[in-house]
mmCIF file of all heavy atoms, coordinates in Angstrom:
data_MODEL
# 
_entry.id   MODEL 
# 
loop_
_atom_site.group_PDB 
_atom_site.id 
_atom_site.type_symbol 
_atom_site.label_atom_id 
_atom_site.label_alt_id 
_atom_site.label_comp_id 
_atom_site.label_asym_id 
_atom_site.label_entity_id 
_atom_site.label_seq_id 
_atom_site.pdbx_PDB_ins_code 
_atom_site.Cartn_x 
_atom_site.Cartn_y 
_atom_site.Cartn_z 
_atom_site.occupancy 
_atom_site.B_iso_or_equiv 
_atom_site.pdbx_formal_charge 
_atom_site.auth_seq_id 
_atom_site.auth_comp_id 
_atom_site.auth_asym_id 
_atom_site.auth_atom_id 
_atom_site.pdbx_PDB_model_num 
ATOM 1   N N   . GLU A 1 1  ? 49.262 23.211 274.420 1.00 0.00 ? 1  GLU A N   1 
ATOM 2   C CA  . GLU A 1 1  ? 48.358 23.043 273.242 1.00 0.00 ? 1  GLU A CA  1 
ATOM 3   C C   . GLU A 1 1  ? 47.180 23.990 273.282 1.00 0.00 ? 1  GLU A C   1 
ATOM 4   O O   . GLU A 1 1  ? 46.877 24.637 272.258 1.00 0.00 ? 1  GLU A O   1 
ATOM 5   C CB  . GLU A 1 1  ? 47.885 21.577 273.205 1.00 0.00 ? 1  GLU A CB  1 
ATOM 6   C CG  . GLU A 1 1  ? 48.971 20.552 272.924 1.00 0.00 ? 1  GLU A CG  1 
ATOM 7   C CD  . GLU A 1 1  ? 49.797 20.190 274.157 1.00 0.00 ? 1  GLU A CD  1 
ATOM 8   O OE1 . GLU A 1 1  ? 49.497 20.658 275.270 1.00 0.00 ? 1  GLU A OE1 1 
ATOM 9   O OE2 . GLU A 1 1  ? 50.765 19.431 273.997 1.00 0.00 ? 1  GLU A OE2 1 
ATOM 10  N N   . ASN A 1 2  ? 46.519 24.107 274.429 1.00 0.00 ? 2  ASN A N   1 
ATOM 11  C CA  . ASN A 1 2  ? 45.364 25.005 274.534 1.00 0.00 ? 2  ASN A CA  1 
ATOM 12  C C   . ASN A 1 2  ? 45.745 26.485 274.322 1.00 0.00 ? 2  ASN A C   1 
ATOM 13  O O   . ASN A 1 2  ? 45.056 27.221 273.638 1.00 0.00 ? 2  ASN A O   1 
ATOM 14  C CB  . ASN A 1 2  ? 44.667 24.877 275.890 1.00 0.00 ? 2  ASN A CB  1 
ATOM 15  C CG  . ASN A 1 2  ? 43.955 23.560 276.033 1.00 0.00 ? 2  ASN A CG  1 
ATOM 16  O OD1 . ASN A 1 2  ? 43.640 22.937 275.032 1.00 0.00 ? 2  ASN A OD1 1 
ATOM 17  N ND2 . ASN A 1 2  ? 43.705 23.121 277.260 1.00 0.00 ? 2  ASN A ND2 1 
ATOM 18  N N   . GLN A 1 3  ? 46.880 26.847 274.925 1.00 0.00 ? 3  GLN A N   1 
ATOM 19  C CA  . GLN A 1 3  ? 47.338 28.248 274.769 1.00 0.00 ? 3  GLN A CA  1 
ATOM 20  C C   . GLN A 1 3  ? 47.684 28.592 273.294 1.00 0.00 ? 3  GLN A C   1 
ATOM 21  O O   . GLN A 1 3  ? 47.405 29.690 272.816 1.00 0.00 ? 3  GLN A O   1 
ATOM 22  C CB  . GLN A 1 3  ? 48.562 28.499 275.659 1.00 0.00 ? 3  GLN A CB  1 
ATOM 23  C CG  . GLN A 1 3  ? 48.203 28.385 277.163 1.00 0.00 ? 3  GLN A CG  1 
ATOM 24  C CD  . GLN A 1 3  ? 49.414 28.635 278.035 1.00 0.00 ? 3  GLN A CD  1 
ATOM 25  O OE1 . GLN A 1 3  ? 50.440 29.122 277.597 1.00 0.00 ? 3  GLN A OE1 1 
ATOM 26  N NE2 . GLN A 1 3  ? 49.274 28.310 279.300 1.00 0.00 ? 3  GLN A NE2 1 
ATOM 27  N N   . THR A 1 4  ? 48.271 27.597 272.619 1.00 0.00 ? 4  THR A N   1 
ATOM 28  C CA  . THR A 1 4  ? 48.625 27.799 271.195 1.00 0.00 ? 4  THR A CA  1 
ATOM 29  C C   . THR A 1 4  ? 47.363 28.048 270.385 1.00 0.00 ? 4  THR A C   1 
ATOM 30  O O   . THR A 1 4  ? 47.305 28.961 269.537 1.00 0.00 ? 4  THR A O   1 
ATOM 31  C CB  . THR A 1 4  ? 49.379 26.579 270.644 1.00 0.00 ? 4  THR A CB  1 
ATOM 32  O OG1 . THR A 1 4  ? 50.574 26.385 271.425 1.00 0.00 ? 4  THR A OG1 1 
ATOM 33  C CG2 . THR A 1 4  ? 49.769 26.793 269.192 1.00 0.00 ? 4  THR A CG2 1 
ATOM 34  N N   . LEU A 1 5  ? 46.325 27.255 270.618 1.00 0.00 ? 5  LEU A N   1 
ATOM 35  C CA  . LEU A 1 5  ? 45.073 27.395 269.871 1.00 0.00 ? 5  LEU A CA  1 
ATOM 36  C C   . LEU A 1 5  ? 44.396 28.738 270.160 1.00 0.00 ? 5  LEU A C   1 
ATOM 37  O O   . LEU A 1 5  ? 43.847 29.421 269.279 1.00 0.00 ? 5  LEU A O   1 
ATOM 38  C CB  . LEU A 1 5  ? 44.121 26.240 270.184 1.00 0.00 ? 5  LEU A CB  1 
ATOM 39  C CG  . LEU A 1 5  ? 44.601 24.860 269.674 1.00 0.00 ? 5  LEU A CG  1 
ATOM 40  C CD1 . LEU A 1 5  ? 43.690 23.756 270.117 1.00 0.00 ? 5  LEU A CD1 1 
ATOM 41  C CD2 . LEU A 1 5  ? 44.759 24.861 268.138 1.00 0.00 ? 5  LEU A CD2 1 
ATOM 42  N N   . GLU A 1 6  ? 44.447 29.153 271.467 1.00 0.00 ? 6  GLU A N   1 
ATOM 43  C CA  . GLU A 1 6  ? 43.860 30.452 271.848 1.00 0.00 ? 6  GLU A CA  1 
ATOM 44  C C   . GLU A 1 6  ? 44.585 31.612 271.162 1.00 0.00 ? 6  GLU A C   1 
ATOM 45  O O   . GLU A 1 6  ? 43.953 32.541 270.684 1.00 0.00 ? 6  GLU A O   1 
ATOM 46  C CB  . GLU A 1 6  ? 43.935 30.623 273.363 1.00 0.00 ? 6  GLU A CB  1 
ATOM 47  C CG  . GLU A 1 6  ? 42.954 29.742 274.159 1.00 0.00 ? 6  GLU A CG  1 
ATOM 48  C CD  . GLU A 1 6  ? 43.287 29.687 275.632 1.00 0.00 ? 6  GLU A CD  1 
ATOM 49  O OE1 . GLU A 1 6  ? 44.277 30.317 276.078 1.00 0.00 ? 6  GLU A OE1 1 
ATOM 50  O OE2 . GLU A 1 6  ? 42.509 29.006 276.354 1.00 0.00 ? 6  GLU A OE2 1 
ATOM 51  N N   . LEU A 1 7  ? 45.902 31.495 271.088 1.00 0.00 ? 7  LEU A N   1 
ATOM 52  C CA  . LEU A 1 7  ? 46.710 32.524 270.441 1.00 0.00 ? 7  LEU A CA  1 
ATOM 53  C C   . LEU A 1 7  ? 46.422 32.604 268.960 1.00 0.00 ? 7  LEU A C   1 
ATOM 54  O O   . LEU A 1 7  ? 46.327 33.675 268.369 1.00 0.00 ? 7  LEU A O   1 
ATOM 55  C CB  . LEU A 1 7  ? 48.200 32.276 270.719 1.00 0.00 ? 7  LEU A CB  1 
ATOM 56  C CG  . LEU A 1 7  ? 49.214 33.330 270.242 1.00 0.00 ? 7  LEU A CG  1 
ATOM 57  C CD1 . LEU A 1 7  ? 48.866 34.714 270.789 1.00 0.00 ? 7  LEU A CD1 1 
ATOM 58  C CD2 . LEU A 1 7  ? 50.623 32.967 270.679 1.00 0.00 ? 7  LEU A CD2 1 
ATOM 59  N N   . LEU A 1 8  ? 46.302 31.444 268.339 1.00 0.00 ? 8  LEU A N   1 
ATOM 60  C CA  . LEU A 1 8  ? 45.979 31.355 266.925 1.00 0.00 ? 8  LEU A CA  1 
ATOM 61  C C   . LEU A 1 8  ? 44.644 32.031 266.616 1.00 0.00 ? 8  LEU A C   1 
ATOM 62  O O   . LEU A 1 8  ? 44.507 32.783 265.635 1.00 0.00 ? 8  LEU A O   1 
ATOM 63  C CB  . LEU A 1 8  ? 45.964 29.887 266.476 1.00 0.00 ? 8  LEU A CB  1 
ATOM 64  C CG  . LEU A 1 8  ? 45.859 29.630 264.978 1.00 0.00 ? 8  LEU A CG  1 
ATOM 65  C CD1 . LEU A 1 8  ? 47.099 30.137 264.247 1.00 0.00 ? 8  LEU A CD1 1 
ATOM 66  C CD2 . LEU A 1 8  ? 45.697 28.134 264.734 1.00 0.00 ? 8  LEU A CD2 1 
ATOM 67  N N   . GLN A 1 9  ? 43.660 31.795 267.491 1.00 0.00 ? 9  GLN A N   1 
ATOM 68  C CA  . GLN A 1 9  ? 42.352 32.390 267.324 1.00 0.00 ? 9  GLN A CA  1 
ATOM 69  C C   . GLN A 1 9  ? 42.433 33.915 267.419 1.00 0.00 ? 9  GLN A C   1 
ATOM 70  O O   . GLN A 1 9  ? 41.807 34.647 266.654 1.00 0.00 ? 9  GLN A O   1 
ATOM 71  C CB  . GLN A 1 9  ? 41.362 31.878 268.384 1.00 0.00 ? 9  GLN A CB  1 
ATOM 72  C CG  . GLN A 1 9  ? 39.952 32.385 268.269 1.00 0.00 ? 9  GLN A CG  1 
ATOM 73  C CD  . GLN A 1 9  ? 39.310 32.061 266.934 1.00 0.00 ? 9  GLN A CD  1 
ATOM 74  O OE1 . GLN A 1 9  ? 39.303 30.907 266.520 1.00 0.00 ? 9  GLN A OE1 1 
ATOM 75  N NE2 . GLN A 1 9  ? 38.792 33.077 266.238 1.00 0.00 ? 9  GLN A NE2 1 
ATOM 76  N N   . LEU A 1 10 ? 43.252 34.413 268.368 1.00 0.00 ? 10 LEU A N   1 
ATOM 77  C CA  . LEU A 1 10 ? 43.407 35.833 268.549 1.00 0.00 ? 10 LEU A CA  1 
ATOM 78  C C   . LEU A 1 10 ? 44.049 36.460 267.303 1.00 0.00 ? 10 LEU A C   1 
ATOM 79  O O   . LEU A 1 10 ? 43.694 37.566 266.870 1.00 0.00 ? 10 LEU A O   1 
ATOM 80  C CB  . LEU A 1 10 ? 44.253 36.108 269.781 1.00 0.00 ? 10 LEU A CB  1 
ATOM 81  C CG  . LEU A 1 10 ? 44.298 37.552 270.290 1.00 0.00 ? 10 LEU A CG  1 
ATOM 82  C CD1 . LEU A 1 10 ? 42.928 38.055 270.671 1.00 0.00 ? 10 LEU A CD1 1 
ATOM 83  C CD2 . LEU A 1 10 ? 45.228 37.695 271.479 1.00 0.00 ? 10 LEU A CD2 1 
ATOM 84  N N   . LEU A 1 11 ? 45.019 35.730 266.707 1.00 0.00 ? 11 LEU A N   1 
ATOM 85  C CA  . LEU A 1 11 ? 45.699 36.267 265.494 1.00 0.00 ? 11 LEU A CA  1 
ATOM 86  C C   . LEU A 1 11 ? 44.716 36.269 264.318 1.00 0.00 ? 11 LEU A C   1 
ATOM 87  O O   . LEU A 1 11 ? 44.834 37.141 263.446 1.00 0.00 ? 11 LEU A O   1 
ATOM 88  C CB  . LEU A 1 11 ? 46.932 35.369 265.164 1.00 0.00 ? 11 LEU A CB  1 
ATOM 89  C CG  . LEU A 1 11 ? 47.859 35.939 264.071 1.00 0.00 ? 11 LEU A CG  1 
ATOM 90  C CD1 . LEU A 1 11 ? 48.508 37.235 264.515 1.00 0.00 ? 11 LEU A CD1 1 
ATOM 91  C CD2 . LEU A 1 11 ? 48.917 34.915 263.731 1.00 0.00 ? 11 LEU A CD2 1 
ATOM 92  N N   . ARG A 1 12 ? 43.757 35.367 264.297 1.00 0.00 ? 12 ARG A N   1 
ATOM 93  C CA  . ARG A 1 12 ? 42.724 35.398 263.245 1.00 0.00 ? 12 ARG A CA  1 
ATOM 94  C C   . ARG A 1 12 ? 41.911 36.678 263.339 1.00 0.00 ? 12 ARG A C   1 
ATOM 95  O O   . ARG A 1 12 ? 41.522 37.247 262.354 1.00 0.00 ? 12 ARG A O   1 
ATOM 96  C CB  . ARG A 1 12 ? 41.779 34.209 263.422 1.00 0.00 ? 12 ARG A CB  1 
ATOM 97  C CG  . ARG A 1 12 ? 42.301 32.880 262.945 1.00 0.00 ? 12 ARG A CG  1 
ATOM 98  C CD  . ARG A 1 12 ? 41.193 31.853 262.823 1.00 0.00 ? 12 ARG A CD  1 
ATOM 99  N NE  . ARG A 1 12 ? 41.695 30.564 262.436 1.00 0.00 ? 12 ARG A NE  1 
ATOM 100 C CZ  . ARG A 1 12 ? 41.847 29.536 263.263 1.00 0.00 ? 12 ARG A CZ  1 
ATOM 101 N NH1 . ARG A 1 12 ? 41.492 29.675 264.537 1.00 0.00 ? 12 ARG A NH1 1 
ATOM 102 N NH2 . ARG A 1 12 ? 42.330 28.382 262.843 1.00 0.00 ? 12 ARG A NH2 1 
ATOM 103 N N   . ASP A 1 13 ? 41.655 37.127 264.572 1.00 0.00 ? 13 ASP A N   1 
ATOM 104 C CA  . ASP A 1 13 ? 40.768 38.286 264.793 1.00 0.00 ? 13 ASP A CA  1 
ATOM 105 C C   . ASP A 1 13 ? 41.531 39.608 264.756 1.00 0.00 ? 13 ASP A C   1 
ATOM 106 O O   . ASP A 1 13 ? 40.936 40.664 264.558 1.00 0.00 ? 13 ASP A O   1 
ATOM 107 C CB  . ASP A 1 13 ? 40.062 38.172 266.139 1.00 0.00 ? 13 ASP A CB  1 
ATOM 108 C CG  . ASP A 1 13 ? 39.180 36.920 266.205 1.00 0.00 ? 13 ASP A CG  1 
ATOM 109 O OD1 . ASP A 1 13 ? 38.783 36.451 265.139 1.00 0.00 ? 13 ASP A OD1 1 
ATOM 110 O OD2 . ASP A 1 13 ? 38.916 36.433 267.328 1.00 0.00 ? 13 ASP A OD2 1 
ATOM 111 N N   . ASN A 1 14 ? 42.857 39.560 265.024 1.00 0.00 ? 14 ASN A N   1 
ATOM 112 C CA  . ASN A 1 14 ? 43.645 40.812 265.111 1.00 0.00 ? 14 ASN A CA  1 
ATOM 113 C C   . ASN A 1 14 ? 44.978 40.610 264.401 1.00 0.00 ? 14 ASN A C   1 
ATOM 114 O O   . ASN A 1 14 ? 45.680 39.642 264.656 1.00 0.00 ? 14 ASN A O   1 
ATOM 115 C CB  . ASN A 1 14 ? 43.957 41.154 266.573 1.00 0.00 ? 14 ASN A CB  1 
ATOM 116 C CG  . ASN A 1 14 ? 42.707 41.387 267.374 1.00 0.00 ? 14 ASN A CG  1 
ATOM 117 O OD1 . ASN A 1 14 ? 42.191 42.496 267.415 1.00 0.00 ? 14 ASN A OD1 1 
ATOM 118 N ND2 . ASN A 1 14 ? 42.232 40.340 268.019 1.00 0.00 ? 14 ASN A ND2 1 
ATOM 119 N N   . ARG A 1 15 ? 45.325 41.553 263.554 1.00 0.00 ? 15 ARG A N   1 
ATOM 120 C CA  . ARG A 1 15 ? 46.615 41.457 262.899 1.00 0.00 ? 15 ARG A CA  1 
ATOM 121 C C   . ARG A 1 15 ? 47.775 41.912 263.786 1.00 0.00 ? 15 ARG A C   1 
ATOM 122 O O   . ARG A 1 15 ? 48.925 41.727 263.424 1.00 0.00 ? 15 ARG A O   1 
ATOM 123 C CB  . ARG A 1 15 ? 46.581 42.257 261.603 1.00 0.00 ? 15 ARG A CB  1 
ATOM 124 C CG  . ARG A 1 15 ? 45.797 41.572 260.501 1.00 0.00 ? 15 ARG A CG  1 
ATOM 125 C CD  . ARG A 1 15 ? 46.070 42.222 259.176 1.00 0.00 ? 15 ARG A CD  1 
ATOM 126 N NE  . ARG A 1 15 ? 45.511 41.410 258.111 1.00 0.00 ? 15 ARG A NE  1 
ATOM 127 C CZ  . ARG A 1 15 ? 45.688 41.696 256.837 1.00 0.00 ? 15 ARG A CZ  1 
ATOM 128 N NH1 . ARG A 1 15 ? 46.402 42.747 256.479 1.00 0.00 ? 15 ARG A NH1 1 
ATOM 129 N NH2 . ARG A 1 15 ? 45.170 40.935 255.913 1.00 0.00 ? 15 ARG A NH2 1 
ATOM 130 N N   . PHE A 1 16 ? 47.425 42.576 264.908 1.00 0.00 ? 16 PHE A N   1 
ATOM 131 C CA  . PHE A 1 16 ? 48.464 42.971 265.886 1.00 0.00 ? 16 PHE A CA  1 
ATOM 132 C C   . PHE A 1 16 ? 48.125 42.276 267.201 1.00 0.00 ? 16 PHE A C   1 
ATOM 133 O O   . PHE A 1 16 ? 47.020 42.458 267.747 1.00 0.00 ? 16 PHE A O   1 
ATOM 134 C CB  . PHE A 1 16 ? 48.460 44.477 266.106 1.00 0.00 ? 16 PHE A CB  1 
ATOM 135 C CG  . PHE A 1 16 ? 49.557 44.964 266.976 1.00 0.00 ? 16 PHE A CG  1 
ATOM 136 C CD1 . PHE A 1 16 ? 50.782 45.396 266.445 1.00 0.00 ? 16 PHE A CD1 1 
ATOM 137 C CD2 . PHE A 1 16 ? 49.409 44.945 268.370 1.00 0.00 ? 16 PHE A CD2 1 
ATOM 138 C CE1 . PHE A 1 16 ? 51.793 45.802 267.291 1.00 0.00 ? 16 PHE A CE1 1 
ATOM 139 C CE2 . PHE A 1 16 ? 50.450 45.380 269.203 1.00 0.00 ? 16 PHE A CE2 1 
ATOM 140 C CZ  . PHE A 1 16 ? 51.639 45.799 268.635 1.00 0.00 ? 16 PHE A CZ  1 
ATOM 141 N N   . VAL A 1 17 ? 49.034 41.456 267.705 1.00 0.00 ? 17 VAL A N   1 
ATOM 142 C CA  . VAL A 1 17 ? 48.802 40.697 268.947 1.00 0.00 ? 17 VAL A CA  1 
ATOM 143 C C   . VAL A 1 17 ? 49.945 40.954 269.911 1.00 0.00 ? 17 VAL A C   1 
ATOM 144 O O   . VAL A 1 17 ? 51.136 40.880 269.528 1.00 0.00 ? 17 VAL A O   1 
ATOM 145 C CB  . VAL A 1 17 ? 48.655 39.182 268.663 1.00 0.00 ? 17 VAL A CB  1 
ATOM 146 C CG1 . VAL A 1 17 ? 48.557 38.397 269.957 1.00 0.00 ? 17 VAL A CG1 1 
ATOM 147 C CG2 . VAL A 1 17 ? 47.386 38.916 267.833 1.00 0.00 ? 17 VAL A CG2 1 
ATOM 148 N N   . GLY A 1 18 ? 49.636 41.236 271.158 1.00 0.00 ? 18 GLY A N   1 
ATOM 149 C CA  . GLY A 1 18 ? 50.636 41.378 272.214 1.00 0.00 ? 18 GLY A CA  1 
ATOM 150 C C   . GLY A 1 18 ? 50.555 40.162 273.130 1.00 0.00 ? 18 GLY A C   1 
ATOM 151 O O   . GLY A 1 18 ? 49.566 39.915 273.788 1.00 0.00 ? 18 GLY A O   1 
ATOM 152 N N   . VAL A 1 19 ? 51.630 39.383 273.169 1.00 0.00 ? 19 VAL A N   1 
ATOM 153 C CA  . VAL A 1 19 ? 51.696 38.211 274.085 1.00 0.00 ? 19 VAL A CA  1 
ATOM 154 C C   . VAL A 1 19 ? 52.418 38.691 275.338 1.00 0.00 ? 19 VAL A C   1 
ATOM 155 O O   . VAL A 1 19 ? 53.606 38.981 275.314 1.00 0.00 ? 19 VAL A O   1 
ATOM 156 C CB  . VAL A 1 19 ? 52.465 37.037 273.434 1.00 0.00 ? 19 VAL A CB  1 
ATOM 157 C CG1 . VAL A 1 19 ? 52.551 35.857 274.371 1.00 0.00 ? 19 VAL A CG1 1 
ATOM 158 C CG2 . VAL A 1 19 ? 51.756 36.624 272.119 1.00 0.00 ? 19 VAL A CG2 1 
ATOM 159 N N   . ILE A 1 20 ? 51.628 38.785 276.426 1.00 0.00 ? 20 ILE A N   1 
ATOM 160 C CA  . ILE A 1 20 ? 52.123 39.416 277.637 1.00 0.00 ? 20 ILE A CA  1 
ATOM 161 C C   . ILE A 1 20 ? 52.235 38.332 278.730 1.00 0.00 ? 20 ILE A C   1 
ATOM 162 O O   . ILE A 1 20 ? 51.375 37.485 278.875 1.00 0.00 ? 20 ILE A O   1 
ATOM 163 C CB  . ILE A 1 20 ? 51.155 40.504 278.130 1.00 0.00 ? 20 ILE A CB  1 
ATOM 164 C CG1 . ILE A 1 20 ? 50.717 41.400 276.943 1.00 0.00 ? 20 ILE A CG1 1 
ATOM 165 C CG2 . ILE A 1 20 ? 51.748 41.316 279.251 1.00 0.00 ? 20 ILE A CG2 1 
ATOM 166 C CD1 . ILE A 1 20 ? 51.792 42.229 276.308 1.00 0.00 ? 20 ILE A CD1 1 
ATOM 167 N N   . GLY A 1 21 ? 53.295 38.389 279.542 1.00 0.00 ? 21 GLY A N   1 
ATOM 168 C CA  . GLY A 1 21 ? 53.432 37.434 280.630 1.00 0.00 ? 21 GLY A CA  1 
ATOM 169 C C   . GLY A 1 21 ? 54.610 37.816 281.495 1.00 0.00 ? 21 GLY A C   1 
ATOM 170 O O   . GLY A 1 21 ? 55.486 38.574 281.113 1.00 0.00 ? 21 GLY A O   1 
ATOM 171 N N   . THR A 1 22 ? 54.699 37.189 282.669 1.00 0.00 ? 22 THR A N   1 
ATOM 172 C CA  . THR A 1 22 ? 55.807 37.404 283.564 1.00 0.00 ? 22 THR A CA  1 
ATOM 173 C C   . THR A 1 22 ? 57.076 36.814 282.961 1.00 0.00 ? 22 THR A C   1 
ATOM 174 O O   . THR A 1 22 ? 57.031 35.998 282.048 1.00 0.00 ? 22 THR A O   1 
ATOM 175 C CB  . THR A 1 22 ? 55.559 36.745 284.920 1.00 0.00 ? 22 THR A CB  1 
ATOM 176 O OG1 . THR A 1 22 ? 55.256 35.353 284.673 1.00 0.00 ? 22 THR A OG1 1 
ATOM 177 C CG2 . THR A 1 22 ? 54.406 37.412 285.659 1.00 0.00 ? 22 THR A CG2 1 
ATOM 178 N N   . SER A 1 23 ? 58.222 37.233 283.470 1.00 0.00 ? 23 SER A N   1 
ATOM 179 C CA  . SER A 1 23 ? 59.494 36.641 283.042 1.00 0.00 ? 23 SER A CA  1 
ATOM 180 C C   . SER A 1 23 ? 59.470 35.151 283.334 1.00 0.00 ? 23 SER A C   1 
ATOM 181 O O   . SER A 1 23 ? 59.156 34.748 284.454 1.00 0.00 ? 23 SER A O   1 
ATOM 182 C CB  . SER A 1 23 ? 60.645 37.300 283.816 1.00 0.00 ? 23 SER A CB  1 
ATOM 183 O OG  . SER A 1 23 ? 61.829 36.630 283.561 1.00 0.00 ? 23 SER A OG  1 
ATOM 184 N N   . GLY A 1 24 ? 59.733 34.341 282.338 1.00 0.00 ? 24 GLY A N   1 
ATOM 185 C CA  . GLY A 1 24 ? 59.745 32.882 282.555 1.00 0.00 ? 24 GLY A CA  1 
ATOM 186 C C   . GLY A 1 24 ? 58.435 32.189 282.307 1.00 0.00 ? 24 GLY A C   1 
ATOM 187 O O   . GLY A 1 24 ? 58.312 31.000 282.546 1.00 0.00 ? 24 GLY A O   1 
ATOM 188 N N   . SER A 1 25 ? 57.454 32.935 281.808 1.00 0.00 ? 25 SER A N   1 
ATOM 189 C CA  . SER A 1 25 ? 56.138 32.327 281.573 1.00 0.00 ? 25 SER A CA  1 
ATOM 190 C C   . SER A 1 25 ? 56.082 31.578 280.248 1.00 0.00 ? 25 SER A C   1 
ATOM 191 O O   . SER A 1 25 ? 55.057 30.962 279.932 1.00 0.00 ? 25 SER A O   1 
ATOM 192 C CB  . SER A 1 25 ? 55.028 33.367 281.653 1.00 0.00 ? 25 SER A CB  1 
ATOM 193 O OG  . SER A 1 25 ? 55.250 34.401 280.735 1.00 0.00 ? 25 SER A OG  1 
ATOM 194 N N   . GLY A 1 26 ? 57.143 31.664 279.427 1.00 0.00 ? 26 GLY A N   1 
ATOM 195 C CA  . GLY A 1 26 ? 57.176 30.921 278.191 1.00 0.00 ? 26 GLY A CA  1 
ATOM 196 C C   . GLY A 1 26 ? 56.670 31.649 276.949 1.00 0.00 ? 26 GLY A C   1 
ATOM 197 O O   . GLY A 1 26 ? 56.242 31.029 275.994 1.00 0.00 ? 26 GLY A O   1 
ATOM 198 N N   . LYS A 1 27 ? 56.734 32.994 276.998 1.00 0.00 ? 27 LYS A N   1 
ATOM 199 C CA  . LYS A 1 27 ? 56.218 33.812 275.869 1.00 0.00 ? 27 LYS A CA  1 
ATOM 200 C C   . LYS A 1 27 ? 56.920 33.454 274.553 1.00 0.00 ? 27 LYS A C   1 
ATOM 201 O O   . LYS A 1 27 ? 56.254 33.208 273.525 1.00 0.00 ? 27 LYS A O   1 
ATOM 202 C CB  . LYS A 1 27 ? 56.402 35.295 276.160 1.00 0.00 ? 27 LYS A CB  1 
ATOM 203 C CG  . LYS A 1 27 ? 55.736 35.793 277.435 1.00 0.00 ? 27 LYS A CG  1 
ATOM 204 C CD  . LYS A 1 27 ? 56.018 37.269 277.685 1.00 0.00 ? 27 LYS A CD  1 
ATOM 205 C CE  . LYS A 1 27 ? 57.464 37.566 278.039 1.00 0.00 ? 27 LYS A CE  1 
ATOM 206 N NZ  . LYS A 1 27 ? 57.900 36.973 279.320 1.00 0.00 ? 27 LYS A NZ  1 
ATOM 207 N N   . SER A 1 28 ? 58.256 33.487 274.600 1.00 0.00 ? 28 SER A N   1 
ATOM 208 C CA  . SER A 1 28 ? 59.019 33.281 273.350 1.00 0.00 ? 28 SER A CA  1 
ATOM 209 C C   . SER A 1 28 ? 58.778 31.888 272.794 1.00 0.00 ? 28 SER A C   1 
ATOM 210 O O   . SER A 1 28 ? 58.596 31.704 271.582 1.00 0.00 ? 28 SER A O   1 
ATOM 211 C CB  . SER A 1 28 ? 60.501 33.464 273.602 1.00 0.00 ? 28 SER A CB  1 
ATOM 212 O OG  . SER A 1 28 ? 60.767 34.811 273.968 1.00 0.00 ? 28 SER A OG  1 
# 
């Protein structure tokens, strides 16, 4: 839940967002 809200905030500020993480970190 917290990560989703943080990502949403980032998308508000930037129209291009890179979600970066290790294999298996749940990016998709």
